[in-house]
Amino acid sequence: MRAYLILLSTIICVSGAPFTFSIGSNAQECFYILTPDIDSVVSYYFAVQHSDDNKLVVDYEIFAPDNKYKPIIKREREAQGEWTFVGEHKGEYAFCFKSDGASKVVDLEIKSKSGLEDRRLKAVEKRKKARIRHRFDTSDELQQSIENSVDLIERQLNILEKNMQYYKTRNSRNQHTVASTEKRIVWFSLYGILLVVAMGLAQIFILQMFFNESRKHVV
């Protein structure tokens, strides 16, 4: 399946929303992002949520626009991760995930931000700070305190968002482990019951043979 993440506006590249996809047994799924400028900052997050063989790991490769055959990043047997790299070339970057023998479910989020976006955000931030200074006729110390508080709240919200994503992934894994354990317990119980029944039938058969032989000797 060839899936595209077209993350472009008229001028700058915007963030992509997280989504979930599945990989079949011994299959590969690739996703693509377009960077509108050189030296764009590309960040991605993924986490394996489910695997039929309980091995919550995948292999993945990232290909740059200038070479579709040699990956710029290659990782094996990764369960989850969050990384950022600089896309030196403008164009399409491919993120290809491979399964190692069992079907898997993966959460994925890819974002791209160009240098133009950084400059625009900085300009917006400067205008916001200028409006705050103009709106409040207070001392520089109080203004700085307000700005620091706003920055601190923003950082804490970002940390909270990442922690929530981490707890979501861990909770999903724990639920899958519990479900898998319950399934194994059920099958083990069934095997135990069948084994007891088989042993009982075998004992009855052996006793019948023994008594039949004894009767023959008596006669």
N, C-alpha and C. Protein backbone atom coordinates (compact mmCIF):
# COMPACT_ATOMS: atom_id res chain seq x y z
N MET A 1 0.85 -1.19 0.00
CA MET A 1 0.00 0.00 0.00
C MET A 1 0.89 1.23 0.00
N ARG A 2 0.57 2.16 -0.87
CA ARG A 2 1.35 3.39 -0.97
C ARG A 2 0.50 4.51 -0.41
N ALA A 3 0.85 4.95 0.76
CA ALA A 3 0.08 5.99 1.43
C ALA A 3 0.88 7.27 1.45
N TYR A 4 0.18 8.39 1.33
CA TYR A 4 0.83 9.69 1.28
C TYR A 4 0.39 10.56 2.43
N LEU A 5 1.35 11.28 2.98
CA LEU A 5 1.06 12.33 3.94
C LEU A 5 1.41 13.65 3.27
N ILE A 6 0.42 14.28 2.65
CA ILE A 6 0.67 15.54 1.96
C ILE A 6 0.51 16.65 2.97
N LEU A 7 1.61 17.15 3.45
CA LEU A 7 1.60 18.10 4.55
C LEU A 7 2.05 19.47 4.06
N LEU A 8 1.37 19.97 3.04
CA LEU A 8 1.79 21.23 2.44
C LEU A 8 0.67 22.24 2.46
N SER A 9 1.02 23.48 2.71
CA SER A 9 0.11 24.59 2.49
C SER A 9 0.66 25.39 1.32
N THR A 10 0.17 26.60 1.11
CA THR A 10 0.62 27.37 -0.05
C THR A 10 2.06 27.82 0.10
N ILE A 11 2.54 27.97 1.35
CA ILE A 11 3.89 28.49 1.53
C ILE A 11 4.74 27.56 2.38
N ILE A 12 4.21 27.10 3.48
CA ILE A 12 5.02 26.38 4.44
C ILE A 12 4.47 24.98 4.65
N CYS A 13 5.29 24.16 5.28
CA CYS A 13 4.88 22.80 5.61
C CYS A 13 4.27 22.78 7.00
N VAL A 14 3.17 22.06 7.14
CA VAL A 14 2.47 22.03 8.42
C VAL A 14 2.57 20.65 9.03
N SER A 15 2.13 20.51 10.27
CA SER A 15 2.26 19.25 11.00
C SER A 15 1.23 18.24 10.54
N GLY A 16 1.61 16.95 10.61
CA GLY A 16 0.69 15.88 10.28
C GLY A 16 0.05 15.33 11.54
N ALA A 17 -1.19 14.88 11.42
CA ALA A 17 -1.91 14.33 12.57
C ALA A 17 -1.49 12.88 12.78
N PRO A 18 -1.43 12.41 14.03
CA PRO A 18 -1.10 11.02 14.28
C PRO A 18 -2.19 10.08 13.77
N PHE A 19 -1.80 8.88 13.36
CA PHE A 19 -2.76 7.91 12.85
C PHE A 19 -2.24 6.51 13.16
N THR A 20 -3.09 5.52 12.94
CA THR A 20 -2.76 4.13 13.22
C THR A 20 -2.88 3.31 11.94
N PHE A 21 -1.93 2.42 11.72
CA PHE A 21 -1.98 1.55 10.54
C PHE A 21 -1.55 0.15 10.94
N SER A 22 -1.82 -0.81 10.07
CA SER A 22 -1.47 -2.21 10.33
C SER A 22 -0.51 -2.71 9.25
N ILE A 23 0.36 -3.62 9.64
CA ILE A 23 1.31 -4.26 8.72
C ILE A 23 1.03 -5.75 8.72
N GLY A 24 0.87 -6.32 7.54
CA GLY A 24 0.64 -7.75 7.44
C GLY A 24 1.90 -8.55 7.71
N SER A 25 1.73 -9.85 7.80
CA SER A 25 2.86 -10.74 8.06
C SER A 25 3.88 -10.66 6.93
N ASN A 26 5.15 -10.42 7.29
CA ASN A 26 6.24 -10.30 6.32
C ASN A 26 5.94 -9.28 5.23
N ALA A 27 5.31 -8.18 5.62
CA ALA A 27 4.94 -7.14 4.66
C ALA A 27 5.66 -5.84 5.00
N GLN A 28 5.48 -4.86 4.12
CA GLN A 28 6.08 -3.54 4.30
C GLN A 28 5.07 -2.45 3.97
N GLU A 29 5.03 -1.42 4.78
CA GLU A 29 4.16 -0.27 4.56
C GLU A 29 5.01 0.99 4.53
N CYS A 30 4.79 1.83 3.52
CA CYS A 30 5.57 3.06 3.37
C CYS A 30 4.64 4.27 3.41
N PHE A 31 5.12 5.33 4.04
CA PHE A 31 4.40 6.59 4.13
C PHE A 31 5.35 7.71 3.73
N TYR A 32 4.77 8.78 3.19
CA TYR A 32 5.59 9.82 2.56
C TYR A 32 5.21 11.20 3.07
N ILE A 33 6.23 12.06 3.13
CA ILE A 33 6.02 13.45 3.51
C ILE A 33 6.81 14.33 2.55
N LEU A 34 6.21 15.44 2.15
CA LEU A 34 6.86 16.38 1.24
C LEU A 34 7.37 17.58 2.03
N THR A 35 8.64 17.88 1.86
CA THR A 35 9.22 19.07 2.50
C THR A 35 9.32 20.17 1.45
N PRO A 36 8.85 21.38 1.77
CA PRO A 36 8.82 22.45 0.77
C PRO A 36 10.13 23.21 0.63
N ASP A 37 11.11 22.90 1.48
CA ASP A 37 12.33 23.69 1.49
C ASP A 37 13.49 22.81 1.92
N ILE A 38 14.71 23.23 1.61
CA ILE A 38 15.88 22.51 2.08
C ILE A 38 16.07 22.77 3.57
N ASP A 39 16.79 21.88 4.23
CA ASP A 39 17.07 22.00 5.66
C ASP A 39 15.80 22.08 6.50
N SER A 40 14.77 21.37 6.08
CA SER A 40 13.55 21.31 6.88
C SER A 40 13.76 20.35 8.06
N VAL A 41 13.13 20.65 9.16
CA VAL A 41 13.22 19.80 10.35
C VAL A 41 12.09 18.78 10.31
N VAL A 42 12.44 17.51 10.21
CA VAL A 42 11.46 16.42 10.14
C VAL A 42 11.51 15.65 11.46
N SER A 43 10.39 15.52 12.11
CA SER A 43 10.30 14.76 13.35
C SER A 43 9.23 13.68 13.20
N TYR A 44 9.45 12.56 13.85
CA TYR A 44 8.48 11.47 13.76
C TYR A 44 8.43 10.70 15.08
N TYR A 45 7.26 10.16 15.34
CA TYR A 45 7.03 9.33 16.53
C TYR A 45 6.26 8.09 16.11
N PHE A 46 6.64 6.93 16.64
CA PHE A 46 5.89 5.72 16.37
C PHE A 46 5.92 4.81 17.60
N ALA A 47 4.93 3.94 17.68
CA ALA A 47 4.87 2.97 18.77
C ALA A 47 4.09 1.76 18.28
N VAL A 48 4.64 0.58 18.48
CA VAL A 48 3.95 -0.67 18.11
C VAL A 48 2.92 -0.99 19.19
N GLN A 49 1.66 -1.04 18.80
CA GLN A 49 0.58 -1.23 19.76
C GLN A 49 0.17 -2.70 19.91
N HIS A 50 0.32 -3.47 18.85
CA HIS A 50 -0.15 -4.86 18.89
C HIS A 50 0.65 -5.71 17.92
N SER A 51 0.86 -6.96 18.29
CA SER A 51 1.54 -7.92 17.43
C SER A 51 0.96 -9.30 17.68
N ASP A 52 0.72 -10.05 16.61
CA ASP A 52 0.14 -11.39 16.76
C ASP A 52 1.07 -12.35 17.50
N ASP A 53 2.38 -12.11 17.43
CA ASP A 53 3.32 -13.00 18.11
C ASP A 53 3.86 -12.40 19.40
N ASN A 54 3.23 -11.30 19.87
CA ASN A 54 3.62 -10.64 21.12
C ASN A 54 5.00 -10.00 21.07
N LYS A 55 5.60 -9.91 19.90
CA LYS A 55 6.87 -9.21 19.74
C LYS A 55 6.58 -7.80 19.20
N LEU A 56 6.54 -6.84 20.10
CA LEU A 56 6.13 -5.48 19.74
C LEU A 56 7.31 -4.69 19.20
N VAL A 57 7.87 -5.15 18.08
CA VAL A 57 9.00 -4.47 17.45
C VAL A 57 8.81 -4.48 15.94
N VAL A 58 9.40 -3.48 15.27
CA VAL A 58 9.38 -3.40 13.81
C VAL A 58 10.75 -2.93 13.33
N ASP A 59 11.01 -3.15 12.06
CA ASP A 59 12.17 -2.57 11.39
C ASP A 59 11.68 -1.43 10.50
N TYR A 60 12.47 -0.38 10.40
CA TYR A 60 12.05 0.72 9.52
C TYR A 60 13.26 1.40 8.89
N GLU A 61 13.00 2.02 7.74
CA GLU A 61 14.01 2.76 6.99
C GLU A 61 13.42 4.09 6.53
N ILE A 62 14.28 5.10 6.42
CA ILE A 62 13.87 6.41 5.93
C ILE A 62 14.73 6.75 4.71
N PHE A 63 14.07 7.13 3.62
CA PHE A 63 14.75 7.43 2.37
C PHE A 63 14.60 8.91 2.04
N ALA A 64 15.67 9.52 1.58
CA ALA A 64 15.67 10.93 1.20
C ALA A 64 15.29 11.07 -0.27
N PRO A 65 14.91 12.28 -0.71
CA PRO A 65 14.51 12.47 -2.11
C PRO A 65 15.61 12.18 -3.12
N ASP A 66 16.87 12.34 -2.73
CA ASP A 66 17.97 12.20 -3.69
C ASP A 66 18.37 10.74 -3.92
N ASN A 67 17.92 9.82 -3.05
CA ASN A 67 18.28 8.41 -3.22
C ASN A 67 17.17 7.54 -2.65
N LYS A 68 16.42 6.89 -3.53
CA LYS A 68 15.28 6.07 -3.12
C LYS A 68 15.68 4.63 -2.77
N TYR A 69 16.97 4.31 -2.89
CA TYR A 69 17.40 2.94 -2.67
C TYR A 69 18.31 2.77 -1.45
N LYS A 70 18.99 3.84 -1.05
CA LYS A 70 19.86 3.78 0.11
C LYS A 70 19.26 4.62 1.24
N PRO A 71 18.88 4.00 2.35
CA PRO A 71 18.22 4.77 3.43
C PRO A 71 19.21 5.67 4.16
N ILE A 72 18.71 6.82 4.59
CA ILE A 72 19.54 7.71 5.41
C ILE A 72 19.45 7.31 6.88
N ILE A 73 18.39 6.62 7.25
CA ILE A 73 18.22 6.11 8.61
C ILE A 73 17.68 4.69 8.52
N LYS A 74 18.26 3.79 9.30
CA LYS A 74 17.81 2.40 9.31
C LYS A 74 17.86 1.88 10.74
N ARG A 75 16.76 1.35 11.21
CA ARG A 75 16.67 0.81 12.56
C ARG A 75 16.02 -0.58 12.51
N GLU A 76 16.44 -1.45 13.41
CA GLU A 76 15.90 -2.81 13.48
C GLU A 76 15.38 -3.10 14.88
N ARG A 77 14.26 -3.80 14.92
CA ARG A 77 13.66 -4.28 16.17
C ARG A 77 13.46 -3.14 17.17
N GLU A 78 12.76 -2.12 16.72
CA GLU A 78 12.43 -0.97 17.57
C GLU A 78 10.97 -1.08 17.99
N ALA A 79 10.70 -0.85 19.27
CA ALA A 79 9.33 -0.90 19.78
C ALA A 79 8.63 0.44 19.66
N GLN A 80 9.34 1.51 19.95
CA GLN A 80 8.79 2.85 19.83
C GLN A 80 9.95 3.84 19.84
N GLY A 81 9.66 5.06 19.44
CA GLY A 81 10.71 6.07 19.44
C GLY A 81 10.20 7.41 18.96
N GLU A 82 10.98 8.42 19.26
CA GLU A 82 10.67 9.78 18.83
C GLU A 82 11.99 10.46 18.47
N TRP A 83 12.17 10.79 17.20
CA TRP A 83 13.42 11.35 16.71
C TRP A 83 13.15 12.53 15.79
N THR A 84 14.20 13.32 15.62
CA THR A 84 14.16 14.48 14.73
C THR A 84 15.44 14.51 13.91
N PHE A 85 15.31 14.83 12.63
CA PHE A 85 16.49 14.98 11.79
C PHE A 85 16.27 16.13 10.81
N VAL A 86 17.35 16.63 10.25
CA VAL A 86 17.29 17.74 9.30
C VAL A 86 17.25 17.17 7.89
N GLY A 87 16.20 17.50 7.16
CA GLY A 87 16.09 17.07 5.77
C GLY A 87 16.86 18.02 4.86
N GLU A 88 18.04 17.60 4.44
CA GLU A 88 18.90 18.49 3.66
C GLU A 88 18.33 18.78 2.28
N HIS A 89 17.52 17.87 1.76
CA HIS A 89 17.00 18.02 0.40
C HIS A 89 15.51 18.34 0.43
N LYS A 90 15.08 19.07 -0.55
CA LYS A 90 13.66 19.39 -0.72
C LYS A 90 12.98 18.26 -1.50
N GLY A 91 11.80 17.85 -1.06
CA GLY A 91 11.08 16.81 -1.80
C GLY A 91 10.44 15.78 -0.89
N GLU A 92 10.32 14.56 -1.41
CA GLU A 92 9.57 13.50 -0.76
C GLU A 92 10.48 12.58 0.07
N TYR A 93 10.16 12.45 1.34
CA TYR A 93 10.86 11.52 2.23
C TYR A 93 9.95 10.32 2.50
N ALA A 94 10.52 9.14 2.42
CA ALA A 94 9.75 7.91 2.60
C ALA A 94 10.09 7.25 3.94
N PHE A 95 9.04 6.86 4.66
CA PHE A 95 9.17 6.12 5.92
C PHE A 95 8.59 4.73 5.70
N CYS A 96 9.44 3.71 5.67
CA CYS A 96 9.00 2.35 5.37
C CYS A 96 9.17 1.46 6.61
N PHE A 97 8.08 0.81 7.00
CA PHE A 97 8.07 -0.08 8.16
C PHE A 97 7.89 -1.51 7.69
N LYS A 98 8.65 -2.43 8.30
CA LYS A 98 8.61 -3.84 7.92
C LYS A 98 8.24 -4.70 9.12
N SER A 99 7.42 -5.73 8.83
CA SER A 99 7.07 -6.71 9.85
C SER A 99 8.01 -7.90 9.75
N ASP A 100 8.30 -8.52 10.90
CA ASP A 100 9.27 -9.62 10.92
C ASP A 100 8.61 -10.99 11.03
N GLY A 101 7.37 -11.11 10.53
CA GLY A 101 6.75 -12.42 10.53
C GLY A 101 5.36 -12.48 11.10
N ALA A 102 4.87 -11.40 11.70
CA ALA A 102 3.53 -11.39 12.28
C ALA A 102 2.87 -10.05 12.00
N SER A 103 1.56 -10.04 11.96
CA SER A 103 0.82 -8.80 11.74
C SER A 103 0.97 -7.88 12.95
N LYS A 104 1.09 -6.58 12.69
CA LYS A 104 1.31 -5.61 13.76
C LYS A 104 0.44 -4.38 13.53
N VAL A 105 0.16 -3.67 14.62
CA VAL A 105 -0.57 -2.40 14.59
C VAL A 105 0.35 -1.33 15.16
N VAL A 106 0.51 -0.23 14.41
CA VAL A 106 1.49 0.80 14.77
C VAL A 106 0.84 2.18 14.77
N ASP A 107 1.16 2.97 15.78
CA ASP A 107 0.80 4.39 15.80
C ASP A 107 1.95 5.19 15.20
N LEU A 108 1.62 6.17 14.37
CA LEU A 108 2.66 6.94 13.69
C LEU A 108 2.26 8.40 13.58
N GLU A 109 3.24 9.26 13.79
CA GLU A 109 3.04 10.70 13.60
C GLU A 109 4.30 11.27 12.96
N ILE A 110 4.13 12.01 11.86
CA ILE A 110 5.25 12.62 11.15
C ILE A 110 4.98 14.11 11.01
N LYS A 111 5.97 14.92 11.35
CA LYS A 111 5.84 16.37 11.24
C LYS A 111 7.03 16.94 10.47
N SER A 112 6.79 18.03 9.79
CA SER A 112 7.85 18.70 9.06
C SER A 112 7.70 20.20 9.25
N LYS A 113 8.83 20.86 9.51
CA LYS A 113 8.82 22.31 9.72
C LYS A 113 10.03 22.90 9.03
N SER A 114 9.81 23.87 8.15
CA SER A 114 10.90 24.47 7.40
C SER A 114 11.47 25.67 8.14
N GLY A 115 12.60 26.17 7.64
CA GLY A 115 13.19 27.37 8.22
C GLY A 115 12.26 28.56 8.13
N LEU A 116 11.47 28.62 7.06
CA LEU A 116 10.51 29.71 6.90
C LEU A 116 9.47 29.66 8.01
N GLU A 117 9.08 28.45 8.39
CA GLU A 117 8.11 28.31 9.47
C GLU A 117 8.70 28.81 10.78
N ASP A 118 9.97 28.49 11.05
CA ASP A 118 10.61 28.98 12.27
C ASP A 118 10.63 30.49 12.32
N ARG A 119 10.99 31.10 11.21
CA ARG A 119 11.04 32.57 11.17
C ARG A 119 9.65 33.17 11.36
N ARG A 120 8.65 32.53 10.77
CA ARG A 120 7.30 33.05 10.92
C ARG A 120 6.82 32.95 12.37
N LEU A 121 7.11 31.80 13.01
CA LEU A 121 6.71 31.63 14.40
C LEU A 121 7.42 32.62 15.31
N LYS A 122 8.70 32.86 15.04
CA LYS A 122 9.42 33.83 15.86
C LYS A 122 8.85 35.23 15.69
N ALA A 123 8.48 35.57 14.45
CA ALA A 123 7.89 36.88 14.21
C ALA A 123 6.55 37.02 14.93
N VAL A 124 5.74 35.95 14.88
CA VAL A 124 4.45 35.99 15.58
C VAL A 124 4.66 36.12 17.08
N GLU A 125 5.66 35.40 17.61
CA GLU A 125 5.94 35.48 19.04
C GLU A 125 6.39 36.88 19.44
N LYS A 126 7.19 37.50 18.59
CA LYS A 126 7.62 38.87 18.89
C LYS A 126 6.44 39.83 18.90
N ARG A 127 5.52 39.65 17.95
CA ARG A 127 4.35 40.53 17.92
C ARG A 127 3.47 40.32 19.15
N LYS A 128 3.35 39.05 19.58
CA LYS A 128 2.57 38.78 20.79
C LYS A 128 3.20 39.46 22.00
N LYS A 129 4.51 39.34 22.13
CA LYS A 129 5.19 39.96 23.26
C LYS A 129 5.08 41.48 23.20
N ALA A 130 5.14 42.02 21.99
CA ALA A 130 5.00 43.48 21.85
C ALA A 130 3.62 43.93 22.27
N ARG A 131 2.58 43.15 21.90
CA ARG A 131 1.22 43.51 22.31
C ARG A 131 1.05 43.42 23.82
N ILE A 132 1.70 42.40 24.42
CA ILE A 132 1.61 42.28 25.88
C ILE A 132 2.26 43.48 26.55
N ARG A 133 3.43 43.88 26.07
CA ARG A 133 4.11 45.04 26.66
C ARG A 133 3.32 46.32 26.46
N HIS A 134 2.65 46.42 25.31
CA HIS A 134 1.85 47.61 25.04
C HIS A 134 0.57 47.62 25.87
N ARG A 135 0.02 46.44 26.10
CA ARG A 135 -1.26 46.36 26.80
C ARG A 135 -1.08 46.64 28.29
N PHE A 136 -0.01 46.15 28.86
CA PHE A 136 0.20 46.30 30.30
C PHE A 136 1.22 47.39 30.56
N ASP A 137 0.76 48.41 31.25
CA ASP A 137 1.65 49.50 31.62
C ASP A 137 2.24 49.19 32.99
N THR A 138 3.14 48.23 33.00
CA THR A 138 3.75 47.78 34.25
C THR A 138 5.25 47.80 34.11
N SER A 139 5.91 47.39 35.13
CA SER A 139 7.37 47.39 35.13
C SER A 139 7.90 46.26 34.27
N ASP A 140 9.16 46.39 33.84
CA ASP A 140 9.80 45.36 33.01
C ASP A 140 9.91 44.04 33.76
N GLU A 141 10.09 44.11 35.05
CA GLU A 141 10.23 42.89 35.84
C GLU A 141 8.94 42.08 35.83
N LEU A 142 7.80 42.73 35.96
CA LEU A 142 6.53 42.02 35.93
C LEU A 142 6.25 41.46 34.54
N GLN A 143 6.57 42.23 33.51
CA GLN A 143 6.38 41.74 32.14
C GLN A 143 7.21 40.48 31.89
N GLN A 144 8.45 40.52 32.34
CA GLN A 144 9.31 39.37 32.15
C GLN A 144 8.78 38.16 32.92
N SER A 145 8.24 38.42 34.10
CA SER A 145 7.67 37.33 34.90
C SER A 145 6.47 36.70 34.20
N ILE A 146 5.62 37.53 33.61
CA ILE A 146 4.46 37.01 32.88
C ILE A 146 4.89 36.17 31.68
N GLU A 147 5.88 36.68 30.93
CA GLU A 147 6.35 35.96 29.76
C GLU A 147 6.98 34.63 30.15
N ASN A 148 7.75 34.64 31.23
CA ASN A 148 8.37 33.39 31.69
C ASN A 148 7.31 32.38 32.13
N SER A 149 6.26 32.87 32.78
CA SER A 149 5.18 31.98 33.21
C SER A 149 4.47 31.36 32.02
N VAL A 150 4.22 32.16 30.98
CA VAL A 150 3.58 31.64 29.78
C VAL A 150 4.45 30.59 29.11
N ASP A 151 5.76 30.87 29.00
CA ASP A 151 6.68 29.90 28.40
C ASP A 151 6.73 28.61 29.22
N LEU A 152 6.72 28.74 30.53
CA LEU A 152 6.76 27.55 31.39
C LEU A 152 5.50 26.71 31.22
N ILE A 153 4.35 27.36 31.15
CA ILE A 153 3.10 26.63 30.95
C ILE A 153 3.11 25.89 29.61
N GLU A 154 3.63 26.55 28.58
CA GLU A 154 3.68 25.93 27.25
C GLU A 154 4.58 24.70 27.27
N ARG A 155 5.74 24.81 27.92
CA ARG A 155 6.64 23.65 28.00
C ARG A 155 6.02 22.51 28.78
N GLN A 156 5.35 22.85 29.87
CA GLN A 156 4.71 21.81 30.68
C GLN A 156 3.58 21.12 29.92
N LEU A 157 2.85 21.88 29.11
CA LEU A 157 1.80 21.27 28.30
C LEU A 157 2.38 20.31 27.27
N ASN A 158 3.51 20.69 26.67
CA ASN A 158 4.16 19.80 25.71
C ASN A 158 4.63 18.52 26.39
N ILE A 159 5.20 18.66 27.60
CA ILE A 159 5.64 17.48 28.34
C ILE A 159 4.44 16.60 28.70
N LEU A 160 3.35 17.23 29.11
CA LEU A 160 2.14 16.47 29.45
C LEU A 160 1.61 15.70 28.25
N GLU A 161 1.63 16.34 27.08
CA GLU A 161 1.16 15.67 25.87
C GLU A 161 2.00 14.44 25.55
N LYS A 162 3.33 14.57 25.67
CA LYS A 162 4.21 13.43 25.40
C LYS A 162 4.00 12.32 26.43
N ASN A 163 3.81 12.71 27.70
CA ASN A 163 3.59 11.70 28.74
C ASN A 163 2.27 10.96 28.52
N MET A 164 1.24 11.69 28.09
CA MET A 164 -0.05 11.05 27.81
C MET A 164 0.08 10.05 26.67
N GLN A 165 0.86 10.41 25.65
CA GLN A 165 1.08 9.50 24.53
C GLN A 165 1.83 8.25 25.00
N TYR A 166 2.82 8.47 25.89
CA TYR A 166 3.58 7.34 26.42
C TYR A 166 2.70 6.42 27.25
N TYR A 167 1.86 6.99 28.13
CA TYR A 167 0.98 6.18 28.96
C TYR A 167 -0.07 5.46 28.12
N LYS A 168 -0.51 6.10 27.04
CA LYS A 168 -1.46 5.44 26.14
C LYS A 168 -0.83 4.20 25.52
N THR A 169 0.42 4.35 25.06
CA THR A 169 1.12 3.22 24.47
C THR A 169 1.33 2.10 25.48
N ARG A 170 1.77 2.47 26.68
CA ARG A 170 2.02 1.45 27.72
C ARG A 170 0.73 0.76 28.14
N ASN A 171 -0.36 1.52 28.25
CA ASN A 171 -1.64 0.93 28.63
C ASN A 171 -2.12 -0.05 27.57
N SER A 172 -1.93 0.32 26.29
CA SER A 172 -2.34 -0.57 25.21
C SER A 172 -1.54 -1.87 25.25
N ARG A 173 -0.24 -1.76 25.51
CA ARG A 173 0.59 -2.96 25.60
C ARG A 173 0.17 -3.83 26.78
N ASN A 174 -0.10 -3.20 27.91
CA ASN A 174 -0.51 -3.98 29.09
C ASN A 174 -1.83 -4.70 28.84
N GLN A 175 -2.78 -4.02 28.18
CA GLN A 175 -4.05 -4.66 27.87
C GLN A 175 -3.85 -5.85 26.94
N HIS A 176 -2.98 -5.67 25.96
CA HIS A 176 -2.71 -6.78 25.04
C HIS A 176 -2.05 -7.95 25.77
N THR A 177 -1.14 -7.64 26.70
CA THR A 177 -0.48 -8.71 27.47
C THR A 177 -1.49 -9.47 28.32
N VAL A 178 -2.40 -8.73 28.97
CA VAL A 178 -3.43 -9.37 29.80
C VAL A 178 -4.33 -10.26 28.95
N ALA A 179 -4.77 -9.73 27.79
CA ALA A 179 -5.64 -10.52 26.91
C ALA A 179 -4.93 -11.77 26.41
N SER A 180 -3.65 -11.62 26.07
CA SER A 180 -2.89 -12.78 25.59
C SER A 180 -2.71 -13.81 26.70
N THR A 181 -2.45 -13.34 27.94
CA THR A 181 -2.29 -14.26 29.06
C THR A 181 -3.59 -15.00 29.36
N GLU A 182 -4.71 -14.28 29.32
CA GLU A 182 -6.01 -14.93 29.55
C GLU A 182 -6.28 -16.00 28.49
N LYS A 183 -5.94 -15.69 27.27
CA LYS A 183 -6.15 -16.66 26.19
C LYS A 183 -5.31 -17.91 26.41
N ARG A 184 -4.06 -17.71 26.83
CA ARG A 184 -3.20 -18.86 27.08
C ARG A 184 -3.71 -19.69 28.25
N ILE A 185 -4.22 -19.02 29.29
CA ILE A 185 -4.77 -19.75 30.44
C ILE A 185 -5.95 -20.62 30.02
N VAL A 186 -6.82 -20.06 29.17
CA VAL A 186 -7.98 -20.82 28.69
C VAL A 186 -7.53 -22.06 27.93
N TRP A 187 -6.59 -21.87 27.00
CA TRP A 187 -6.11 -23.02 26.23
C TRP A 187 -5.40 -24.04 27.11
N PHE A 188 -4.63 -23.55 28.09
CA PHE A 188 -3.95 -24.47 29.00
C PHE A 188 -4.96 -25.27 29.81
N SER A 189 -6.03 -24.62 30.25
CA SER A 189 -7.07 -25.32 31.00
C SER A 189 -7.75 -26.38 30.14
N LEU A 190 -8.03 -26.02 28.88
CA LEU A 190 -8.65 -27.00 27.98
C LEU A 190 -7.73 -28.20 27.75
N TYR A 191 -6.43 -27.91 27.55
CA TYR A 191 -5.49 -29.01 27.36
C TYR A 191 -5.43 -29.89 28.61
N GLY A 192 -5.47 -29.26 29.79
CA GLY A 192 -5.45 -30.03 31.03
C GLY A 192 -6.67 -30.93 31.17
N ILE A 193 -7.85 -30.38 30.82
CA ILE A 193 -9.08 -31.18 30.89
C ILE A 193 -9.02 -32.36 29.92
N LEU A 194 -8.58 -32.08 28.69
CA LEU A 194 -8.47 -33.16 27.70
C LEU A 194 -7.48 -34.22 28.14
N LEU A 195 -6.37 -33.77 28.77
CA LEU A 195 -5.37 -34.73 29.23
C LEU A 195 -5.93 -35.62 30.34
N VAL A 196 -6.68 -35.03 31.28
CA VAL A 196 -7.28 -35.81 32.36
C VAL A 196 -8.29 -36.81 31.81
N VAL A 197 -9.12 -36.37 30.85
CA VAL A 197 -10.11 -37.26 30.24
C VAL A 197 -9.41 -38.40 29.51
N ALA A 198 -8.35 -38.06 28.76
CA ALA A 198 -7.62 -39.09 28.02
C ALA A 198 -6.99 -40.11 28.97
N MET A 199 -6.40 -39.62 30.06
CA MET A 199 -5.79 -40.54 31.03
C MET A 199 -6.85 -41.43 31.68
N GLY A 200 -8.03 -40.87 31.98
CA GLY A 200 -9.11 -41.67 32.56
C GLY A 200 -9.57 -42.76 31.61
N LEU A 201 -9.75 -42.39 30.34
CA LEU A 201 -10.17 -43.39 29.35
C LEU A 201 -9.10 -44.46 29.17
N ALA A 202 -7.84 -44.04 29.19
CA ALA A 202 -6.76 -45.02 29.05
C ALA A 202 -6.74 -45.99 30.23
N GLN A 203 -6.95 -45.47 31.44
CA GLN A 203 -6.98 -46.34 32.61
C GLN A 203 -8.15 -47.33 32.54
N ILE A 204 -9.31 -46.84 32.11
CA ILE A 204 -10.47 -47.73 31.98
C ILE A 204 -10.19 -48.83 30.96
N PHE A 205 -9.58 -48.45 29.84
CA PHE A 205 -9.27 -49.43 28.79
C PHE A 205 -8.27 -50.47 29.30
N ILE A 206 -7.26 -50.02 30.04
CA ILE A 206 -6.26 -50.95 30.57
C ILE A 206 -6.88 -51.91 31.59
N LEU A 207 -7.74 -51.37 32.47
CA LEU A 207 -8.41 -52.22 33.46
C LEU A 207 -9.32 -53.25 32.80
N GLN A 208 -10.04 -52.82 31.77
CA GLN A 208 -10.89 -53.77 31.05
C GLN A 208 -10.07 -54.90 30.43
N MET A 209 -8.95 -54.53 29.82
CA MET A 209 -8.09 -55.56 29.24
C MET A 209 -7.57 -56.50 30.32
N PHE A 210 -7.22 -55.94 31.48
CA PHE A 210 -6.68 -56.77 32.56
C PHE A 210 -7.73 -57.77 33.07
N PHE A 211 -8.95 -57.29 33.29
CA PHE A 211 -10.02 -58.18 33.78
C PHE A 211 -10.40 -59.21 32.73
N ASN A 212 -10.41 -58.82 31.46
CA ASN A 212 -10.72 -59.78 30.40
C ASN A 212 -9.68 -60.90 30.35
N GLU A 213 -8.41 -60.54 30.51
CA GLU A 213 -7.36 -61.55 30.52
C GLU A 213 -7.49 -62.46 31.74
N SER A 214 -7.86 -61.86 32.88
CA SER A 214 -8.02 -62.65 34.11
C SER A 214 -9.14 -63.67 33.96
N ARG A 215 -10.24 -63.28 33.35
CA ARG A 215 -11.37 -64.18 33.15
C ARG A 215 -11.00 -65.34 32.24
N LYS A 216 -10.20 -65.05 31.24
CA LYS A 216 -9.78 -66.11 30.32
C LYS A 216 -8.97 -67.16 31.06
N HIS A 217 -8.08 -66.70 31.94
CA HIS A 217 -7.24 -67.65 32.68
C HIS A 217 -8.08 -68.47 33.66
N VAL A 218 -9.11 -67.86 34.25
CA VAL A 218 -9.98 -68.58 35.19
C VAL A 218 -10.75 -69.68 34.49
N VAL A 219 -11.26 -69.39 33.31
CA VAL A 219 -12.00 -70.37 32.54
C VAL A 219 -11.08 -71.52 32.12
